[in-house]
N, C-alpha and C. Protein backbone atom coordinates (compact mmCIF):
# COMPACT_ATOMS: atom_id res chain seq x y z
N UNK A 1 60.16 81.67 35.93
CA UNK A 1 59.05 81.99 35.07
C UNK A 1 58.65 80.77 34.23
N UNK A 2 57.40 80.70 33.88
CA UNK A 2 56.84 79.59 33.11
C UNK A 2 57.39 79.60 31.70
N UNK A 3 57.89 78.46 31.24
CA UNK A 3 58.41 78.34 29.88
C UNK A 3 57.44 77.53 29.05
N UNK A 4 57.10 78.06 27.91
CA UNK A 4 56.13 77.40 27.01
C UNK A 4 56.74 76.17 26.34
N UNK A 5 55.85 75.33 25.86
CA UNK A 5 56.27 74.15 25.12
C UNK A 5 56.58 74.57 23.68
N UNK A 6 57.67 74.08 23.15
CA UNK A 6 58.02 74.39 21.77
C UNK A 6 57.21 73.50 20.81
N UNK A 7 57.18 73.87 19.57
CA UNK A 7 56.46 73.05 18.57
C UNK A 7 57.09 71.68 18.45
N UNK A 8 58.39 71.61 18.54
CA UNK A 8 59.08 70.33 18.45
C UNK A 8 58.70 69.45 19.64
N UNK A 9 58.64 70.02 20.82
CA UNK A 9 58.24 69.25 22.01
C UNK A 9 56.79 68.79 21.90
N UNK A 10 55.94 69.65 21.40
CA UNK A 10 54.52 69.29 21.25
C UNK A 10 54.37 68.13 20.27
N UNK A 11 55.09 68.16 19.18
CA UNK A 11 55.02 67.08 18.19
C UNK A 11 55.61 65.79 18.77
N UNK A 12 56.70 65.91 19.49
CA UNK A 12 57.31 64.71 20.10
C UNK A 12 56.39 64.14 21.18
N UNK A 13 55.77 65.00 21.97
CA UNK A 13 54.85 64.54 22.99
C UNK A 13 53.64 63.85 22.37
N UNK A 14 53.12 64.40 21.30
CA UNK A 14 51.98 63.78 20.62
C UNK A 14 52.36 62.42 20.04
N UNK A 15 53.53 62.32 19.46
CA UNK A 15 53.98 61.07 18.86
C UNK A 15 54.24 60.01 19.91
N UNK A 16 54.94 60.39 20.97
CA UNK A 16 55.22 59.44 22.04
C UNK A 16 53.94 58.98 22.73
N UNK A 17 53.01 59.90 22.91
CA UNK A 17 51.69 59.56 23.51
C UNK A 17 50.95 58.57 22.65
N UNK A 18 50.94 58.83 21.34
CA UNK A 18 50.22 57.94 20.41
C UNK A 18 50.85 56.55 20.41
N UNK A 19 52.18 56.47 20.42
CA UNK A 19 52.85 55.17 20.45
C UNK A 19 52.54 54.44 21.76
N UNK A 20 52.57 55.17 22.88
CA UNK A 20 52.26 54.58 24.17
C UNK A 20 50.84 54.04 24.20
N UNK A 21 49.90 54.81 23.65
CA UNK A 21 48.50 54.36 23.65
C UNK A 21 48.32 53.12 22.76
N UNK A 22 49.02 53.06 21.63
CA UNK A 22 48.90 51.88 20.76
C UNK A 22 49.49 50.66 21.44
N UNK A 23 50.64 50.85 22.11
CA UNK A 23 51.25 49.72 22.84
C UNK A 23 50.36 49.28 24.00
N UNK A 24 49.77 50.22 24.70
CA UNK A 24 48.87 49.89 25.81
C UNK A 24 47.67 49.10 25.31
N UNK A 25 47.15 49.48 24.19
CA UNK A 25 46.00 48.73 23.60
C UNK A 25 46.40 47.30 23.25
N UNK A 26 47.60 47.14 22.71
CA UNK A 26 48.09 45.80 22.39
C UNK A 26 48.24 44.98 23.66
N UNK A 27 48.77 45.59 24.71
CA UNK A 27 48.93 44.89 25.99
C UNK A 27 47.57 44.46 26.53
N UNK A 28 46.59 45.33 26.47
CA UNK A 28 45.24 45.01 26.95
C UNK A 28 44.67 43.82 26.18
N UNK A 29 44.81 43.85 24.87
CA UNK A 29 44.27 42.76 24.03
C UNK A 29 44.96 41.45 24.36
N UNK A 30 46.28 41.46 24.49
CA UNK A 30 47.02 40.23 24.74
C UNK A 30 46.72 39.69 26.15
N UNK A 31 46.58 40.59 27.11
CA UNK A 31 46.24 40.14 28.48
C UNK A 31 44.84 39.56 28.53
N UNK A 32 43.92 40.18 27.82
CA UNK A 32 42.54 39.63 27.79
C UNK A 32 42.53 38.28 27.09
N UNK A 33 43.33 38.15 26.02
CA UNK A 33 43.42 36.85 25.36
C UNK A 33 44.03 35.81 26.31
N UNK A 34 44.96 36.24 27.12
CA UNK A 34 45.55 35.35 28.11
C UNK A 34 44.53 34.90 29.15
N UNK A 35 43.71 35.86 29.60
CA UNK A 35 42.66 35.52 30.57
C UNK A 35 41.64 34.54 29.98
N UNK A 36 41.44 34.67 28.67
CA UNK A 36 40.48 33.78 27.98
C UNK A 36 41.11 32.43 27.63
N UNK A 37 42.41 32.30 27.87
CA UNK A 37 43.10 31.04 27.57
C UNK A 37 43.58 30.91 26.15
N UNK A 38 43.57 32.00 25.39
CA UNK A 38 44.00 31.94 23.99
C UNK A 38 45.43 32.42 23.78
N UNK A 39 46.08 32.95 24.82
CA UNK A 39 47.43 33.48 24.70
C UNK A 39 48.24 33.00 25.89
N UNK A 40 49.49 32.67 25.68
CA UNK A 40 50.37 32.22 26.76
C UNK A 40 50.79 33.40 27.64
N UNK A 41 50.35 33.38 28.87
CA UNK A 41 50.78 34.38 29.87
C UNK A 41 51.13 33.65 31.15
N UNK A 42 51.97 34.26 31.93
CA UNK A 42 52.35 33.62 33.21
C UNK A 42 51.23 33.75 34.21
N UNK A 43 51.31 32.93 35.26
CA UNK A 43 50.28 32.99 36.31
C UNK A 43 50.37 34.32 37.07
N UNK A 44 51.51 34.94 37.08
CA UNK A 44 51.68 36.21 37.80
C UNK A 44 51.24 37.42 37.01
N UNK A 45 50.75 37.23 35.80
CA UNK A 45 50.38 38.37 34.95
C UNK A 45 49.29 39.22 35.56
N UNK A 46 48.33 38.62 36.23
CA UNK A 46 47.22 39.38 36.85
C UNK A 46 47.77 40.33 37.91
N UNK A 47 48.68 39.82 38.75
CA UNK A 47 49.26 40.66 39.81
C UNK A 47 50.16 41.73 39.21
N UNK A 48 50.89 41.33 38.16
CA UNK A 48 51.82 42.26 37.53
C UNK A 48 51.08 43.46 36.96
N UNK A 49 49.95 43.23 36.31
CA UNK A 49 49.24 44.32 35.64
C UNK A 49 48.67 45.32 36.63
N UNK A 50 48.46 44.89 37.88
CA UNK A 50 48.00 45.82 38.89
C UNK A 50 49.17 46.57 39.51
N UNK A 51 50.21 45.84 39.89
CA UNK A 51 51.36 46.42 40.58
C UNK A 51 52.13 47.41 39.70
N UNK A 52 52.22 47.13 38.41
CA UNK A 52 53.03 47.97 37.55
C UNK A 52 52.46 49.40 37.39
N UNK A 53 51.16 49.52 37.58
CA UNK A 53 50.55 50.84 37.43
C UNK A 53 51.08 51.81 38.48
N UNK A 54 51.16 51.35 39.71
CA UNK A 54 51.68 52.18 40.80
C UNK A 54 53.16 52.50 40.59
N UNK A 55 53.92 51.51 40.16
CA UNK A 55 55.34 51.70 39.90
C UNK A 55 55.54 52.75 38.81
N UNK A 56 54.80 52.63 37.73
CA UNK A 56 54.93 53.58 36.61
C UNK A 56 54.47 54.97 37.02
N UNK A 57 53.42 55.08 37.82
CA UNK A 57 52.93 56.36 38.27
C UNK A 57 53.97 57.08 39.14
N UNK A 58 54.59 56.31 40.05
CA UNK A 58 55.63 56.90 40.91
C UNK A 58 56.85 57.32 40.08
N UNK A 59 57.28 56.46 39.18
CA UNK A 59 58.42 56.81 38.35
C UNK A 59 58.14 58.04 37.47
N UNK A 60 56.91 58.10 36.95
CA UNK A 60 56.52 59.26 36.15
C UNK A 60 56.50 60.53 36.98
N UNK A 61 55.93 60.47 38.15
CA UNK A 61 55.89 61.66 39.02
C UNK A 61 57.28 62.12 39.40
N UNK A 62 58.16 61.18 39.71
CA UNK A 62 59.53 61.55 40.07
C UNK A 62 60.25 62.18 38.90
N UNK A 63 60.07 61.64 37.72
CA UNK A 63 60.72 62.19 36.54
C UNK A 63 60.21 63.61 36.24
N UNK A 64 58.90 63.80 36.39
CA UNK A 64 58.33 65.13 36.16
C UNK A 64 58.85 66.13 37.19
N UNK A 65 58.96 65.70 38.43
CA UNK A 65 59.46 66.57 39.48
C UNK A 65 60.91 66.98 39.22
N UNK A 66 61.72 65.99 38.83
CA UNK A 66 63.13 66.30 38.51
C UNK A 66 63.21 67.28 37.34
N UNK A 67 62.41 67.08 36.30
CA UNK A 67 62.44 67.99 35.16
C UNK A 67 61.98 69.38 35.55
N UNK A 68 60.94 69.47 36.37
CA UNK A 68 60.45 70.78 36.79
C UNK A 68 61.45 71.48 37.68
N UNK A 69 62.07 70.76 38.59
CA UNK A 69 63.07 71.34 39.49
C UNK A 69 64.31 71.82 38.74
N UNK A 70 64.56 71.19 37.60
CA UNK A 70 65.70 71.59 36.78
C UNK A 70 65.37 72.78 35.89
N UNK A 71 64.12 73.27 36.00
CA UNK A 71 63.73 74.44 35.21
C UNK A 71 63.24 74.11 33.83
N UNK A 72 62.83 72.89 33.60
CA UNK A 72 62.37 72.48 32.28
C UNK A 72 61.07 73.14 31.90
N UNK A 73 60.86 73.24 30.62
CA UNK A 73 59.61 73.81 30.09
C UNK A 73 58.47 72.83 30.31
N UNK A 74 57.27 73.25 30.03
CA UNK A 74 56.10 72.38 30.18
C UNK A 74 56.27 71.14 29.32
N UNK A 75 56.79 71.30 28.14
CA UNK A 75 57.02 70.17 27.25
C UNK A 75 58.02 69.19 27.79
N UNK A 76 59.12 69.73 28.37
CA UNK A 76 60.16 68.88 28.93
C UNK A 76 59.63 68.10 30.12
N UNK A 77 58.80 68.75 30.94
CA UNK A 77 58.22 68.08 32.11
C UNK A 77 57.27 66.96 31.65
N UNK A 78 56.42 67.28 30.66
CA UNK A 78 55.48 66.28 30.16
C UNK A 78 56.19 65.10 29.53
N UNK A 79 57.21 65.38 28.73
CA UNK A 79 57.98 64.28 28.10
C UNK A 79 58.68 63.43 29.13
N UNK A 80 59.21 64.08 30.18
CA UNK A 80 59.88 63.34 31.25
C UNK A 80 58.91 62.41 31.95
N UNK A 81 57.69 62.87 32.17
CA UNK A 81 56.68 62.07 32.83
C UNK A 81 56.19 60.91 31.95
N UNK A 82 56.18 61.10 30.67
CA UNK A 82 55.71 60.07 29.76
C UNK A 82 56.76 58.97 29.55
N UNK A 83 58.03 59.32 29.68
CA UNK A 83 59.10 58.37 29.37
C UNK A 83 59.02 57.06 30.16
N UNK A 84 58.88 57.06 31.50
CA UNK A 84 58.80 55.79 32.20
C UNK A 84 57.52 54.99 31.88
N UNK A 85 56.44 55.68 31.60
CA UNK A 85 55.21 54.97 31.26
C UNK A 85 55.36 54.31 29.91
N UNK A 86 55.94 55.02 28.96
CA UNK A 86 56.15 54.46 27.62
C UNK A 86 57.11 53.30 27.66
N UNK A 87 58.15 53.40 28.49
CA UNK A 87 59.11 52.30 28.64
C UNK A 87 58.39 51.03 29.14
N UNK A 88 57.49 51.21 30.09
CA UNK A 88 56.76 50.07 30.64
C UNK A 88 55.81 49.46 29.61
N UNK A 89 55.07 50.29 28.87
CA UNK A 89 54.16 49.76 27.88
C UNK A 89 54.90 49.08 26.73
N UNK A 90 56.03 49.67 26.34
CA UNK A 90 56.84 49.07 25.27
C UNK A 90 57.36 47.70 25.70
N UNK A 91 57.85 47.61 26.94
CA UNK A 91 58.38 46.34 27.46
C UNK A 91 57.27 45.31 27.56
N UNK A 92 56.12 45.71 28.07
CA UNK A 92 55.00 44.78 28.20
C UNK A 92 54.53 44.26 26.85
N UNK A 93 54.39 45.17 25.89
CA UNK A 93 53.93 44.77 24.55
C UNK A 93 54.92 43.79 23.91
N UNK A 94 56.18 44.07 24.06
CA UNK A 94 57.22 43.18 23.50
C UNK A 94 57.20 41.83 24.20
N UNK A 95 57.14 41.81 25.50
CA UNK A 95 57.16 40.57 26.28
C UNK A 95 55.94 39.71 25.97
N UNK A 96 54.77 40.34 25.96
CA UNK A 96 53.54 39.57 25.73
C UNK A 96 53.45 39.08 24.29
N UNK A 97 53.94 39.87 23.34
CA UNK A 97 53.91 39.46 21.94
C UNK A 97 54.81 38.25 21.74
N UNK A 98 55.94 38.21 22.39
CA UNK A 98 56.87 37.08 22.28
C UNK A 98 56.28 35.79 22.86
N UNK A 99 55.40 35.90 23.83
CA UNK A 99 54.87 34.69 24.48
C UNK A 99 54.03 33.83 23.55
N UNK A 100 53.39 34.44 22.57
CA UNK A 100 52.68 33.72 21.54
C UNK A 100 51.35 33.12 21.93
N UNK A 101 50.59 32.70 20.93
CA UNK A 101 49.26 32.12 21.18
C UNK A 101 49.37 30.75 21.83
N UNK A 102 48.32 30.40 22.53
CA UNK A 102 48.23 29.07 23.13
C UNK A 102 47.58 28.16 22.11
N UNK A 103 48.39 27.31 21.51
CA UNK A 103 47.89 26.42 20.45
C UNK A 103 47.37 25.16 21.06
N UNK A 104 46.33 24.59 20.45
CA UNK A 104 45.81 23.31 20.97
C UNK A 104 46.84 22.22 20.83
N UNK A 105 46.84 21.33 21.80
CA UNK A 105 47.82 20.22 21.73
C UNK A 105 47.35 19.22 20.68
N UNK A 106 48.32 18.61 20.05
CA UNK A 106 48.00 17.63 18.99
C UNK A 106 47.67 16.29 19.63
N UNK A 107 46.67 15.60 19.13
CA UNK A 107 46.29 14.29 19.72
C UNK A 107 47.30 13.22 19.45
């Protein structure tokens, strides 16, 4: 039988989603700055940003399937699906933030 999401799960899902969206926005800004030459990014960053989407989608789907097969509630399934996506956005935001701005060379 279908199990409803608890209030605690709904709040956790909302919080994790908001954090993931904020991190994703930071990643987008830093990658665009890298494309414009204002931020240090690797040459492989363009390929990485495309490939990681499929990897995260597959990992999310697998996590959601495992949670559903284990009899998890709607909240548990949603949180399980968000976890790998959030891990990827958090890692990207941290990695790109550490790379730092591309400063002009001194004459």
